[in-house]
Amino acid sequence: MTVAADSATGAASLVQSVDWLAIAPPVTAATVALLVLVADLFVGERHKPLLGYGAVAGLVAALALLVPLRAGDRSTFCLTGGTQACSYTADHFALVIQALVLGGALLTALLSIGDTRKLPAGEFWFLLLASAAGAALLPAARDLATLVVALEVASLPAFALVGIKRGDRRSSEAALKFFLSSVVATAVMLLGVSFVYATTGTLHLTEIAARLDEVPGRFDTLAQAGVALTLVGFAFKTAAAPFHFWVPDTYVGAPLPIAAYLSVVGKAVGFSGLILVTVIGFPSYADVWGPALAVLAALTMTVGNVAALRQTATRARSAVRLLAWSSVGQAGYLLVPIAAAAYSSDAQIGSTVAYALMYAVVNLGAFAVAALVARTHPRNRLSDYRGLYATRPLAALALGFFLLCLAGLPPGIIGLFAKVTVFSAAVDAGLGWLAVVMAVNVVIALYYYLQWTAALFRSPEAAAGEEAPTQQKHRVPAPLTTAIALTAVTGIALSGAPQLVLRFAAVNLF
């Protein structure tokens, strides 16, 4: 009887209560994804657009469920052995990144409504919502198993979304390149996770941090290898050089809204995972990942900006290629505060979050205007934007504002302030050489951002050999107009009150 009672007590102690409110945002996105997929079976072809509006409603609901969690003090799926280790934590870091990824998915959905006529609607919306659910789960994950699962849930639907244009050879090739390179990176990361588990005996990040301090000397090399290999998968998702080679072809081959999604939400997934494993899981090995990330940051921003500089105005889809290479360069800036955290304090991470919020808004806005121009100029060349102000003045003004924010020039004050916080993080951490590299790259980026901005306001008459811009007015879907307006208004508001974002640069979010 005593043995049975002890067994019953032990079994009862393993039963965990689930905080449903804490996990509500990703669960809502996943539930709506399933509902949309099932509804697709019963909705006629004429009413397929309703699936898109259902997806938008689901993402709005997921965003609304972040409001009751704003205190940032909820955890669930915790160990019951007296330790504080949990698998899911809705702290301020998780909530900010969840707001970013769900907001990015919402704007992607708005861009996609009206452009999914040639795509399988049910599958498209299911894949987008499923990927958004994985992206929302990842920043709250606090063990390596949940991190890997969330990363794959966010990534696998993205592969399908890139290649969803049936019969399009470029789309299929982009999806295949994206898939194969991602699989290799994931395999390397899983090898690293297995090494970390072998040396620590746990997968929870807080427990790993404590046990890595006491790794026996004979296992130190194995632990270092595990830390380095684990970072590879997340470096791939951030498009950090030399893991960036999939970006330009993938962005060009994917539907334009999906390219926008990958440039913002895909990066947010990679950077949030990278922050979690380095700052929370591997602080005792900062001497390994700190210098590595600093070098990656310098290499990434240089490769991205130099490649963007080489884009020619008359090449087909050169506008999307420039945005793709620009996103690689921006990834280098985002890596700087994470590297700086290895040399100073975790508070530097706030600079990455502040910069990511600015980048998400203005980059999605730039892609939204690109989607608008693509409706009349399917080749989407940089030369197609010449004289845009004469035909669509509001769109030209919005795109000019977004490009100036990315360049860090007024009136895009938020872009300037975000770059200053990243620059300050490098200087405060003693990484003067990295600050110099960043300053040089900012100057390089000014050239192509300003060149594109100037083209918007030039005379609409084309130069010799170029196609003259069309003067015909085309009806713009209301959701696309809404996406451009939302990003423009948000960017202007942030530039008017940059402290709304920059306060994250001075606050420890964990």
Protein backbone atom coordinates (compact mmCIF):
# COMPACT_ATOMS: atom_id res chain seq x y z
CA MET A 1 0.00 0.00 0.00
CA THR A 2 2.82 2.38 0.89
CA VAL A 3 4.64 1.66 -2.37
CA ALA A 4 1.42 2.17 -4.33
CA ALA A 5 0.72 5.42 -2.50
CA ASP A 6 4.25 6.68 -3.15
CA SER A 7 3.90 5.74 -6.82
CA ALA A 8 0.61 7.56 -7.04
CA THR A 9 2.12 10.63 -5.37
CA GLY A 10 5.11 10.57 -7.72
CA ALA A 11 2.86 10.23 -10.73
CA ALA A 12 0.69 13.09 -9.53
CA SER A 13 3.73 15.34 -9.10
CA LEU A 14 4.52 14.94 -12.79
CA VAL A 15 1.12 16.25 -13.89
CA GLN A 16 1.52 19.80 -15.17
CA SER A 17 -1.20 22.38 -15.52
CA VAL A 18 -1.29 24.23 -18.83
CA ASP A 19 -1.56 28.01 -18.91
CA TRP A 20 -3.83 28.26 -21.93
CA LEU A 21 -3.74 32.04 -22.01
CA ALA A 22 0.06 32.06 -22.21
CA ILE A 23 0.08 29.79 -25.26
CA ALA A 24 -3.06 31.32 -26.84
CA PRO A 25 -1.37 33.41 -29.63
CA PRO A 26 0.41 30.54 -31.44
CA VAL A 27 -2.46 28.12 -30.69
CA THR A 28 -4.96 30.55 -32.21
CA ALA A 29 -2.92 30.87 -35.40
CA ALA A 30 -2.59 27.08 -35.67
CA THR A 31 -6.31 26.51 -35.00
CA VAL A 32 -7.38 29.02 -37.65
CA ALA A 33 -4.95 27.36 -40.09
CA LEU A 34 -6.76 24.03 -39.65
CA LEU A 35 -10.17 25.70 -39.91
CA VAL A 36 -9.20 27.40 -43.17
CA LEU A 37 -7.91 24.14 -44.63
CA VAL A 38 -11.14 22.32 -43.77
CA ALA A 39 -13.32 25.20 -44.95
CA ASP A 40 -11.56 25.11 -48.31
CA LEU A 41 -13.26 21.76 -48.96
CA PHE A 42 -16.73 23.28 -48.70
CA VAL A 43 -16.25 26.78 -50.14
CA GLY A 44 -17.01 27.30 -53.82
CA GLU A 45 -14.55 28.90 -56.20
CA ARG A 46 -16.43 32.21 -56.16
CA HIS A 47 -16.09 32.48 -52.38
CA LYS A 48 -12.42 31.50 -52.05
CA PRO A 49 -11.45 35.10 -51.14
CA LEU A 50 -13.37 34.62 -47.90
CA LEU A 51 -10.62 32.23 -46.79
CA GLY A 52 -8.14 35.09 -46.96
CA TYR A 53 -10.32 37.34 -44.84
CA GLY A 54 -10.72 34.46 -42.37
CA ALA A 55 -6.91 34.19 -42.15
CA VAL A 56 -6.65 37.94 -41.53
CA ALA A 57 -9.27 37.68 -38.77
CA GLY A 58 -7.36 34.82 -37.16
CA LEU A 59 -4.10 36.78 -37.13
CA VAL A 60 -5.87 39.82 -35.67
CA ALA A 61 -7.29 37.58 -32.92
CA ALA A 62 -3.82 36.14 -32.19
CA LEU A 63 -2.42 39.67 -31.91
CA ALA A 64 -5.27 40.73 -29.60
CA LEU A 65 -4.48 37.81 -27.27
CA LEU A 66 -1.06 39.36 -26.59
CA VAL A 67 -2.70 42.22 -24.70
CA PRO A 68 -3.66 40.21 -21.56
CA LEU A 69 -0.07 38.87 -21.47
CA ARG A 70 1.58 42.30 -21.44
CA ALA A 71 2.87 41.84 -17.87
CA GLY A 72 5.32 39.26 -19.26
CA ASP A 73 5.21 37.02 -16.18
CA ARG A 74 3.69 33.74 -17.41
CA SER A 75 5.36 30.37 -17.89
CA THR A 76 4.04 26.90 -18.53
CA PHE A 77 5.26 23.33 -19.21
CA CYS A 78 7.71 23.64 -16.31
CA LEU A 79 9.76 20.93 -14.64
CA THR A 80 8.24 19.72 -11.36
CA GLY A 81 11.42 18.76 -9.53
CA GLY A 82 11.86 22.01 -7.66
CA THR A 83 13.70 23.77 -10.51
CA GLN A 84 12.41 26.87 -12.27
CA ALA A 85 13.12 25.53 -15.78
CA CYS A 86 10.16 25.89 -18.15
CA SER A 87 9.68 25.04 -21.81
CA TYR A 88 7.43 28.02 -22.61
CA THR A 89 7.81 31.51 -21.17
CA ALA A 90 5.72 34.52 -22.21
CA ASP A 91 8.17 37.21 -21.04
CA HIS A 92 8.59 40.67 -22.58
CA PHE A 93 11.08 39.42 -25.17
CA ALA A 94 8.68 36.71 -26.35
CA LEU A 95 5.73 39.11 -26.49
CA VAL A 96 7.60 41.74 -28.54
CA ILE A 97 8.82 39.18 -31.08
CA GLN A 98 5.37 37.54 -31.22
CA ALA A 99 3.84 40.92 -31.97
CA LEU A 100 6.43 41.43 -34.70
CA VAL A 101 5.92 38.04 -36.40
CA LEU A 102 2.13 38.02 -36.13
CA GLY A 103 1.99 41.62 -37.37
CA GLY A 104 4.29 40.68 -40.24
CA ALA A 105 2.11 37.70 -41.11
CA LEU A 106 -0.97 39.95 -41.00
CA LEU A 107 0.55 42.41 -43.46
CA THR A 108 1.64 39.49 -45.66
CA ALA A 109 -1.96 38.26 -45.66
CA LEU A 110 -3.19 41.72 -46.69
CA LEU A 111 -0.66 41.77 -49.54
CA SER A 112 -1.77 38.30 -50.65
CA ILE A 113 -5.54 38.90 -50.81
CA GLY A 114 -6.40 39.44 -54.46
CA ASP A 115 -3.10 37.93 -55.64
CA THR A 116 -3.99 34.31 -54.86
CA ARG A 117 -6.33 33.78 -57.81
CA LYS A 118 -3.80 31.56 -59.59
CA LEU A 119 -2.75 29.83 -56.37
CA PRO A 120 -4.50 27.06 -54.40
CA ALA A 121 -6.22 29.31 -51.86
CA GLY A 122 -6.82 26.80 -49.08
CA GLU A 123 -3.28 25.48 -49.11
CA PHE A 124 -1.79 28.99 -49.32
CA TRP A 125 -3.62 30.34 -46.28
CA PHE A 126 -3.07 27.13 -44.30
CA LEU A 127 0.68 27.22 -44.95
CA LEU A 128 0.95 30.92 -44.10
CA LEU A 129 -0.93 30.54 -40.80
CA ALA A 130 0.95 27.36 -39.88
CA SER A 131 4.29 29.09 -40.47
CA ALA A 132 3.12 32.09 -38.43
CA ALA A 133 2.14 29.75 -35.57
CA GLY A 134 5.65 28.25 -35.52
CA ALA A 135 7.21 31.72 -35.70
CA ALA A 136 5.09 32.85 -32.74
CA LEU A 137 6.03 29.75 -30.73
CA LEU A 138 9.78 30.09 -31.16
CA PRO A 139 10.54 33.26 -29.11
CA ALA A 140 8.68 31.78 -26.13
CA ALA A 141 10.53 28.43 -26.32
CA ARG A 142 13.00 27.85 -23.52
CA ASP A 143 14.37 24.40 -24.34
CA LEU A 144 16.29 23.20 -27.38
CA ALA A 145 13.69 20.60 -28.38
CA THR A 146 10.90 23.18 -28.52
CA LEU A 147 13.19 25.60 -30.32
CA VAL A 148 14.00 23.07 -33.05
CA VAL A 149 10.36 22.04 -33.45
CA ALA A 150 9.20 25.68 -33.63
CA LEU A 151 11.95 26.48 -36.14
CA GLU A 152 10.85 23.63 -38.41
CA VAL A 153 7.15 24.44 -38.04
CA ALA A 154 7.96 27.97 -39.18
CA SER A 155 10.27 26.80 -42.00
CA LEU A 156 8.61 23.78 -43.63
CA PRO A 157 5.45 25.66 -44.72
CA ALA A 158 7.71 28.46 -45.99
CA PHE A 159 9.40 26.02 -48.40
CA ALA A 160 6.00 25.14 -49.85
CA LEU A 161 4.94 28.79 -50.05
CA VAL A 162 8.05 29.69 -52.06
CA GLY A 163 7.26 26.98 -54.63
CA ILE A 164 3.47 27.29 -54.60
CA LYS A 165 3.26 28.87 -58.07
CA ARG A 166 2.42 25.80 -60.15
CA GLY A 167 4.21 25.49 -63.45
CA ASP A 168 6.68 28.26 -62.61
CA ARG A 169 10.20 26.92 -63.09
CA ARG A 170 11.81 29.84 -61.23
CA SER A 171 9.54 29.30 -58.23
CA SER A 172 10.30 25.57 -58.12
CA GLU A 173 14.05 26.13 -58.33
CA ALA A 174 13.89 28.74 -55.57
CA ALA A 175 11.95 26.38 -53.31
CA LEU A 176 14.40 23.53 -53.96
CA LYS A 177 17.45 25.69 -53.22
CA PHE A 178 15.79 27.04 -50.07
CA PHE A 179 14.80 23.54 -48.92
CA LEU A 180 18.13 21.79 -49.54
CA SER A 181 20.26 24.48 -47.92
CA SER A 182 17.89 24.67 -44.95
CA VAL A 183 17.92 20.90 -44.46
CA VAL A 184 21.72 20.86 -44.35
CA ALA A 185 21.77 23.73 -41.84
CA THR A 186 19.16 21.98 -39.67
CA ALA A 187 21.13 18.73 -39.73
CA VAL A 188 24.26 20.55 -38.56
CA MET A 189 22.27 22.32 -35.84
CA LEU A 190 20.79 19.03 -34.60
CA LEU A 191 24.29 17.58 -34.40
CA GLY A 192 25.26 20.55 -32.24
CA VAL A 193 22.19 20.09 -30.03
CA SER A 194 23.11 16.45 -29.50
CA PHE A 195 26.63 17.48 -28.44
CA VAL A 196 25.23 20.02 -25.98
CA TYR A 197 22.83 17.43 -24.56
CA ALA A 198 25.65 14.88 -24.26
CA THR A 199 27.74 17.30 -22.17
CA THR A 200 24.94 18.72 -19.99
CA GLY A 201 22.24 16.03 -19.82
CA THR A 202 19.43 18.57 -20.28
CA LEU A 203 17.68 20.53 -23.04
CA HIS A 204 16.32 23.44 -20.97
CA LEU A 205 18.27 26.61 -21.69
CA THR A 206 18.55 27.80 -18.08
CA GLU A 207 19.74 24.35 -16.98
CA ILE A 208 22.24 24.21 -19.86
CA ALA A 209 23.66 27.59 -18.81
CA ALA A 210 24.23 26.32 -15.25
CA ARG A 211 25.76 22.99 -16.27
CA LEU A 212 28.06 24.37 -18.97
CA ASP A 213 29.87 26.21 -16.17
CA GLU A 214 30.83 22.83 -14.70
CA VAL A 215 31.70 20.83 -17.83
CA PRO A 216 34.68 18.51 -17.15
CA GLY A 217 37.81 19.43 -19.03
CA ARG A 218 37.70 16.31 -21.18
CA PHE A 219 34.28 17.38 -22.52
CA ASP A 220 35.15 21.04 -23.11
CA THR A 221 35.98 20.57 -26.80
CA LEU A 222 32.75 18.66 -27.34
CA ALA A 223 30.77 21.44 -25.65
CA GLN A 224 32.47 24.12 -27.75
CA ALA A 225 31.70 22.17 -30.92
CA GLY A 226 28.08 21.79 -29.82
CA VAL A 227 27.74 25.52 -29.19
CA ALA A 228 29.26 26.42 -32.57
CA LEU A 229 27.21 23.89 -34.56
CA THR A 230 23.96 24.87 -32.83
CA LEU A 231 24.42 28.44 -34.02
CA VAL A 232 24.70 27.34 -37.68
CA GLY A 233 20.98 26.65 -38.10
CA PHE A 234 19.98 30.01 -36.71
CA ALA A 235 22.70 31.79 -38.73
CA PHE A 236 21.12 30.29 -41.85
CA LYS A 237 17.68 31.63 -40.92
CA THR A 238 19.10 35.11 -40.35
CA ALA A 239 20.70 35.01 -43.83
CA ALA A 240 24.11 35.70 -42.30
CA ALA A 241 27.05 35.30 -44.70
CA PRO A 242 28.23 32.77 -45.77
CA PHE A 243 24.81 31.15 -45.20
CA HIS A 244 23.03 33.78 -47.31
CA PHE A 245 23.37 32.30 -50.80
CA TRP A 246 19.74 31.15 -50.95
CA VAL A 247 18.28 34.64 -50.39
CA PRO A 248 18.28 36.42 -53.80
CA ASP A 249 16.98 33.50 -55.89
CA THR A 250 14.41 32.55 -53.24
CA TYR A 251 13.03 36.09 -52.98
CA VAL A 252 12.85 36.45 -56.77
CA GLY A 253 11.20 33.06 -57.32
CA ALA A 254 8.68 33.30 -54.49
CA PRO A 255 5.38 35.20 -54.73
CA LEU A 256 6.14 38.79 -53.74
CA PRO A 257 4.14 38.68 -50.46
CA ILE A 258 6.07 35.56 -49.43
CA ALA A 259 9.38 37.28 -50.19
CA ALA A 260 8.22 40.06 -47.84
CA TYR A 261 7.27 37.45 -45.24
CA LEU A 262 10.67 35.77 -45.40
CA SER A 263 12.51 39.08 -45.21
CA VAL A 264 10.82 40.02 -41.93
CA VAL A 265 9.22 37.04 -40.19
CA GLY A 266 11.86 34.57 -41.34
CA LYS A 267 14.58 36.85 -40.00
CA ALA A 268 12.72 37.41 -36.73
CA VAL A 269 12.59 33.64 -36.23
CA GLY A 270 16.31 33.26 -36.82
CA PHE A 271 17.36 36.19 -34.66
CA SER A 272 15.08 35.31 -31.75
CA GLY A 273 16.42 31.74 -31.75
CA LEU A 274 19.98 33.01 -31.97
CA ILE A 275 19.41 35.37 -29.03
CA LEU A 276 17.86 32.64 -26.88
CA VAL A 277 20.62 30.07 -27.36
CA THR A 278 23.47 32.55 -26.94
CA VAL A 279 22.28 34.85 -24.16
CA ILE A 280 20.23 32.36 -22.11
CA GLY A 281 21.73 28.99 -23.00
CA PHE A 282 25.43 29.59 -23.69
CA PRO A 283 26.57 32.65 -21.69
CA SER A 284 29.59 30.77 -20.31
CA TYR A 285 30.82 30.20 -23.87
CA ALA A 286 30.61 33.84 -24.90
CA ASP A 287 34.28 33.64 -25.83
CA VAL A 288 33.26 31.17 -28.56
CA TRP A 289 30.11 32.74 -30.05
CA GLY A 290 30.98 36.41 -29.40
CA PRO A 291 33.93 36.72 -31.82
CA ALA A 292 32.20 34.41 -34.31
CA LEU A 293 29.08 36.59 -34.44
CA ALA A 294 31.17 39.77 -34.68
CA VAL A 295 32.97 38.42 -37.74
CA LEU A 296 29.67 37.18 -39.21
CA ALA A 297 28.14 40.63 -38.69
CA ALA A 298 30.99 42.39 -40.51
CA LEU A 299 30.99 39.86 -43.36
CA THR A 300 27.20 39.85 -43.72
CA MET A 301 26.71 43.62 -43.92
CA THR A 302 29.60 43.97 -46.37
CA VAL A 303 28.47 41.17 -48.70
CA GLY A 304 24.85 42.35 -48.68
CA ASN A 305 25.57 46.03 -49.36
CA VAL A 306 28.21 45.44 -52.03
CA ALA A 307 25.92 43.00 -53.87
CA ALA A 308 22.99 45.45 -53.64
CA LEU A 309 25.24 48.15 -55.08
CA ARG A 310 25.86 46.02 -58.18
CA GLN A 311 22.19 45.66 -59.21
CA THR A 312 21.45 47.14 -62.63
CA ALA A 313 18.26 49.13 -63.21
CA THR A 314 17.21 47.31 -66.39
CA ARG A 315 17.60 43.73 -65.14
CA ALA A 316 14.36 41.82 -64.70
CA ARG A 317 13.19 41.78 -61.06
CA SER A 318 16.15 43.94 -60.04
CA ALA A 319 13.97 45.76 -57.50
CA VAL A 320 13.28 42.52 -55.60
CA ARG A 321 16.93 41.50 -55.89
CA LEU A 322 18.02 44.82 -54.42
CA LEU A 323 15.60 44.37 -51.51
CA ALA A 324 16.92 40.82 -51.05
CA TRP A 325 20.55 41.92 -50.86
CA SER A 326 19.55 44.88 -48.72
CA SER A 327 17.94 42.46 -46.26
CA VAL A 328 21.25 40.57 -46.06
CA GLY A 329 23.04 43.82 -45.25
CA GLN A 330 20.42 44.71 -42.63
CA ALA A 331 20.95 41.27 -41.06
CA GLY A 332 24.56 42.26 -40.46
CA TYR A 333 23.45 45.32 -38.47
CA LEU A 334 21.06 43.15 -36.45
CA LEU A 335 23.89 40.78 -35.52
CA VAL A 336 26.04 43.56 -34.02
CA PRO A 337 24.24 43.93 -30.63
CA ILE A 338 24.10 40.14 -30.18
CA ALA A 339 27.86 39.95 -30.66
CA ALA A 340 28.25 42.95 -28.32
CA ALA A 341 26.31 41.08 -25.61
CA ALA A 342 29.21 38.63 -25.36
CA TYR A 343 31.55 41.46 -24.38
CA SER A 344 29.32 43.57 -22.13
CA SER A 345 25.80 42.66 -20.93
CA ASP A 346 22.53 41.08 -22.05
CA ALA A 347 20.96 44.56 -22.16
CA GLN A 348 22.60 45.04 -25.58
CA ILE A 349 19.99 42.65 -26.99
CA GLY A 350 17.44 45.45 -26.72
CA SER A 351 19.21 47.24 -29.58
CA THR A 352 18.60 44.27 -31.88
CA VAL A 353 14.92 44.22 -30.91
CA ALA A 354 14.58 47.98 -31.47
CA TYR A 355 16.24 47.73 -34.88
CA ALA A 356 14.14 44.70 -35.82
CA LEU A 357 10.92 46.57 -35.08
CA MET A 358 11.96 49.47 -37.30
CA TYR A 359 13.19 47.16 -40.07
CA ALA A 360 10.01 45.05 -40.04
CA VAL A 361 7.71 48.04 -40.57
CA VAL A 362 9.63 49.80 -43.33
CA ASN A 363 10.77 46.68 -45.19
CA LEU A 364 7.23 45.31 -45.35
CA GLY A 365 6.14 48.73 -46.60
CA ALA A 366 8.79 48.66 -49.35
CA PHE A 367 7.63 45.21 -50.47
CA ALA A 368 4.01 46.42 -50.41
CA VAL A 369 4.83 49.24 -52.84
CA ALA A 370 6.82 46.76 -54.96
CA ALA A 371 3.70 44.57 -55.11
CA LEU A 372 1.72 47.60 -56.27
CA VAL A 373 4.21 48.43 -59.04
CA ALA A 374 4.34 44.76 -60.10
CA ARG A 375 0.64 44.93 -61.03
CA THR A 376 1.51 47.19 -63.99
CA HIS A 377 5.17 46.20 -64.47
CA PRO A 378 5.44 42.41 -63.98
CA ARG A 379 9.20 42.45 -64.63
CA ASN A 380 9.62 44.73 -61.57
CA ARG A 381 12.84 46.42 -62.68
CA LEU A 382 14.35 49.36 -60.86
CA SER A 383 13.84 51.39 -64.04
CA ASP A 384 10.08 50.74 -63.73
CA TYR A 385 10.02 52.99 -60.66
CA ARG A 386 11.28 56.01 -62.58
CA GLY A 387 8.65 58.74 -62.48
CA LEU A 388 6.40 56.82 -60.08
CA TYR A 389 5.51 60.11 -58.40
CA ALA A 390 3.83 61.30 -61.61
CA THR A 391 1.46 58.32 -61.72
CA ARG A 392 1.08 57.30 -58.08
CA PRO A 393 2.33 60.15 -55.88
CA LEU A 394 1.26 58.66 -52.54
CA ALA A 395 2.93 55.32 -53.30
CA ALA A 396 6.11 57.13 -54.39
CA LEU A 397 6.18 59.22 -51.23
CA ALA A 398 5.64 56.10 -49.10
CA LEU A 399 8.42 54.16 -50.85
CA GLY A 400 10.77 57.13 -50.60
CA PHE A 401 10.08 57.33 -46.88
CA PHE A 402 10.69 53.59 -46.42
CA LEU A 403 13.99 53.72 -48.33
CA LEU A 404 15.19 56.71 -46.32
CA CYS A 405 14.34 54.85 -43.10
CA LEU A 406 16.42 51.89 -44.26
CA ALA A 407 19.25 54.28 -45.14
CA GLY A 408 18.96 56.05 -41.77
CA LEU A 409 18.28 59.52 -43.18
CA PRO A 410 15.65 62.12 -42.25
CA PRO A 411 12.68 62.22 -42.39
CA GLY A 412 13.08 58.55 -41.51
CA ILE A 413 14.16 59.47 -37.98
CA ILE A 414 13.43 56.01 -36.60
CA GLY A 415 15.95 54.47 -39.02
CA LEU A 416 18.60 56.96 -37.94
CA PHE A 417 18.00 56.38 -34.23
CA ALA A 418 17.93 52.59 -34.65
CA LYS A 419 21.30 52.66 -36.41
CA VAL A 420 22.73 54.88 -33.68
CA THR A 421 21.68 52.38 -30.98
CA VAL A 422 23.33 49.52 -32.87
CA PHE A 423 26.48 51.61 -33.40
CA SER A 424 26.52 52.52 -29.70
CA ALA A 425 26.19 48.86 -28.72
CA ALA A 426 29.35 48.04 -30.67
CA VAL A 427 31.29 50.97 -29.19
CA ASP A 428 30.17 50.27 -25.62
CA ALA A 429 31.28 46.64 -25.97
CA GLY A 430 34.75 47.69 -27.12
CA LEU A 431 34.17 46.51 -30.70
CA GLY A 432 35.52 49.66 -32.31
CA TRP A 433 36.61 47.84 -35.46
CA LEU A 434 33.07 46.52 -35.97
CA ALA A 435 31.65 50.03 -35.53
CA VAL A 436 34.02 51.26 -38.25
CA VAL A 437 32.93 48.46 -40.61
CA MET A 438 29.31 49.33 -39.92
CA ALA A 439 29.91 53.03 -40.62
CA VAL A 440 31.55 52.20 -43.98
CA ASN A 441 28.64 49.94 -44.92
CA VAL A 442 26.07 52.59 -43.99
CA VAL A 443 27.79 54.94 -46.45
CA ILE A 444 27.77 52.24 -49.16
CA ALA A 445 24.07 51.62 -48.60
CA LEU A 446 23.30 55.34 -48.86
CA TYR A 447 24.23 55.25 -52.54
CA TYR A 448 21.74 52.64 -53.73
CA TYR A 449 18.94 53.74 -51.38
CA LEU A 450 19.25 57.36 -52.51
CA GLN A 451 19.61 56.37 -56.17
CA TRP A 452 16.31 54.45 -56.01
CA THR A 453 14.63 57.27 -54.08
CA ALA A 454 15.75 59.88 -56.63
CA ALA A 455 14.39 57.77 -59.51
CA LEU A 456 10.90 57.97 -58.02
CA PHE A 457 10.77 61.73 -58.57
CA ARG A 458 12.52 62.01 -61.93
CA SER A 459 10.75 62.84 -65.16
CA PRO A 460 8.54 59.93 -66.24
CA GLU A 461 10.06 60.05 -69.73
CA ALA A 462 12.34 57.04 -70.02
CA ALA A 463 15.88 57.16 -71.21
CA ALA A 464 16.86 55.66 -74.55
CA GLY A 465 16.25 51.94 -74.67
CA GLU A 466 13.99 51.93 -71.59
CA GLU A 467 10.31 51.25 -71.53
CA ALA A 468 8.22 54.33 -70.71
CA PRO A 469 6.19 54.04 -67.50
CA THR A 470 2.53 53.39 -68.08
CA GLN A 471 0.08 56.18 -67.37
CA GLN A 472 -2.89 53.83 -67.20
CA LYS A 473 -4.65 53.64 -63.86
CA HIS A 474 -5.31 50.16 -62.51
CA ARG A 475 -7.63 49.31 -59.70
CA VAL A 476 -5.65 48.55 -56.55
CA PRO A 477 -7.12 45.98 -54.14
CA ALA A 478 -8.21 47.55 -50.86
CA PRO A 479 -6.09 45.13 -48.74
CA LEU A 480 -2.93 46.18 -50.64
CA THR A 481 -3.75 49.84 -50.10
CA THR A 482 -4.40 49.08 -46.43
CA ALA A 483 -1.00 47.38 -46.07
CA ILE A 484 0.84 50.35 -47.58
CA ALA A 485 -1.13 52.81 -45.44
CA LEU A 486 -0.57 50.80 -42.22
CA THR A 487 3.19 50.57 -42.72
CA ALA A 488 3.48 54.23 -43.73
CA VAL A 489 1.43 55.49 -40.78
CA THR A 490 3.33 53.25 -38.34
CA GLY A 491 6.69 54.36 -39.73
CA ILE A 492 5.73 58.04 -39.51
CA ALA A 493 4.44 57.57 -35.96
CA LEU A 494 7.67 55.86 -34.91
CA SER A 495 9.74 58.61 -36.52
CA GLY A 496 7.68 61.20 -34.65
CA ALA A 497 8.14 59.39 -31.34
CA PRO A 498 11.21 57.13 -31.70
CA GLN A 499 11.27 56.51 -27.95
CA LEU A 500 8.35 54.08 -28.45
CA VAL A 501 10.80 51.65 -30.04
CA LEU A 502 14.12 52.82 -28.67
CA ARG A 503 13.10 52.20 -25.09
CA PHE A 504 13.63 48.51 -25.84
CA ALA A 505 17.28 49.32 -26.42
CA ALA A 506 17.68 50.30 -22.75
CA VAL A 507 15.56 47.60 -21.11
CA ASN A 508 16.51 44.04 -20.25
CA LEU A 509 13.68 42.09 -21.89
CA PHE A 510 14.37 38.79 -20.14
